[in-house]
């Protein structure tokens, strides 16, 4: 469960960074 949560947080940060780039 903890690993899944970390992956979700990482994915959210990745999406936010992409939004800032574009």
N, C-alpha and C. Protein backbone atom coordinates (compact mmCIF):
# COMPACT_ATOMS: atom_id res chain seq x y z
N UNK A 1 0.84 -1.20 0.00
CA UNK A 1 0.00 0.00 0.00
C UNK A 1 0.87 1.25 0.00
N UNK A 2 1.91 1.26 0.83
CA UNK A 2 2.79 2.45 0.91
C UNK A 2 3.46 2.70 -0.43
N UNK A 3 3.91 1.62 -1.07
CA UNK A 3 4.58 1.76 -2.38
C UNK A 3 3.60 2.37 -3.39
N UNK A 4 2.37 1.91 -3.37
CA UNK A 4 1.37 2.43 -4.31
C UNK A 4 1.17 3.93 -4.07
N UNK A 5 1.16 4.32 -2.80
CA UNK A 5 0.96 5.74 -2.45
C UNK A 5 2.12 6.57 -2.98
N UNK A 6 3.32 6.06 -2.84
CA UNK A 6 4.50 6.79 -3.31
C UNK A 6 4.42 6.96 -4.83
N UNK A 7 4.01 5.92 -5.52
CA UNK A 7 3.90 5.99 -6.98
C UNK A 7 2.88 7.06 -7.38
N UNK A 8 1.76 7.11 -6.65
CA UNK A 8 0.72 8.10 -6.96
C UNK A 8 1.27 9.51 -6.75
N UNK A 9 1.97 9.72 -5.64
CA UNK A 9 2.54 11.05 -5.35
C UNK A 9 3.54 11.41 -6.44
N UNK A 10 4.38 10.48 -6.83
CA UNK A 10 5.38 10.74 -7.87
C UNK A 10 4.69 11.09 -9.19
N UNK A 11 3.63 10.37 -9.52
CA UNK A 11 2.90 10.63 -10.77
C UNK A 11 2.29 12.02 -10.74
N UNK A 12 1.72 12.40 -9.59
CA UNK A 12 1.11 13.73 -9.48
C UNK A 12 2.16 14.81 -9.67
N UNK A 13 3.32 14.64 -9.07
CA UNK A 13 4.39 15.64 -9.21
C UNK A 13 4.84 15.71 -10.66
N UNK A 14 4.92 14.58 -11.32
CA UNK A 14 5.36 14.53 -12.72
C UNK A 14 4.37 15.31 -13.60
N UNK A 15 3.09 15.10 -13.36
CA UNK A 15 2.05 15.79 -14.15
C UNK A 15 2.13 17.29 -13.90
N UNK A 16 2.31 17.68 -12.65
CA UNK A 16 2.39 19.11 -12.32
C UNK A 16 3.59 19.74 -13.02
N UNK A 17 4.72 19.05 -13.03
CA UNK A 17 5.91 19.58 -13.70
C UNK A 17 5.66 19.72 -15.20
N UNK A 18 4.96 18.77 -15.79
CA UNK A 18 4.67 18.86 -17.22
C UNK A 18 3.77 20.07 -17.49
N UNK A 19 2.80 20.30 -16.60
CA UNK A 19 1.90 21.45 -16.78
C UNK A 19 2.68 22.75 -16.69
N UNK A 20 3.66 22.82 -15.80
CA UNK A 20 4.47 24.03 -15.67
C UNK A 20 5.32 24.23 -16.92
N UNK A 21 5.86 23.13 -17.47
CA UNK A 21 6.70 23.22 -18.66
C UNK A 21 5.89 23.73 -19.86
N UNK A 22 4.68 23.21 -20.02
CA UNK A 22 3.89 23.60 -21.19
C UNK A 22 2.95 24.73 -20.83
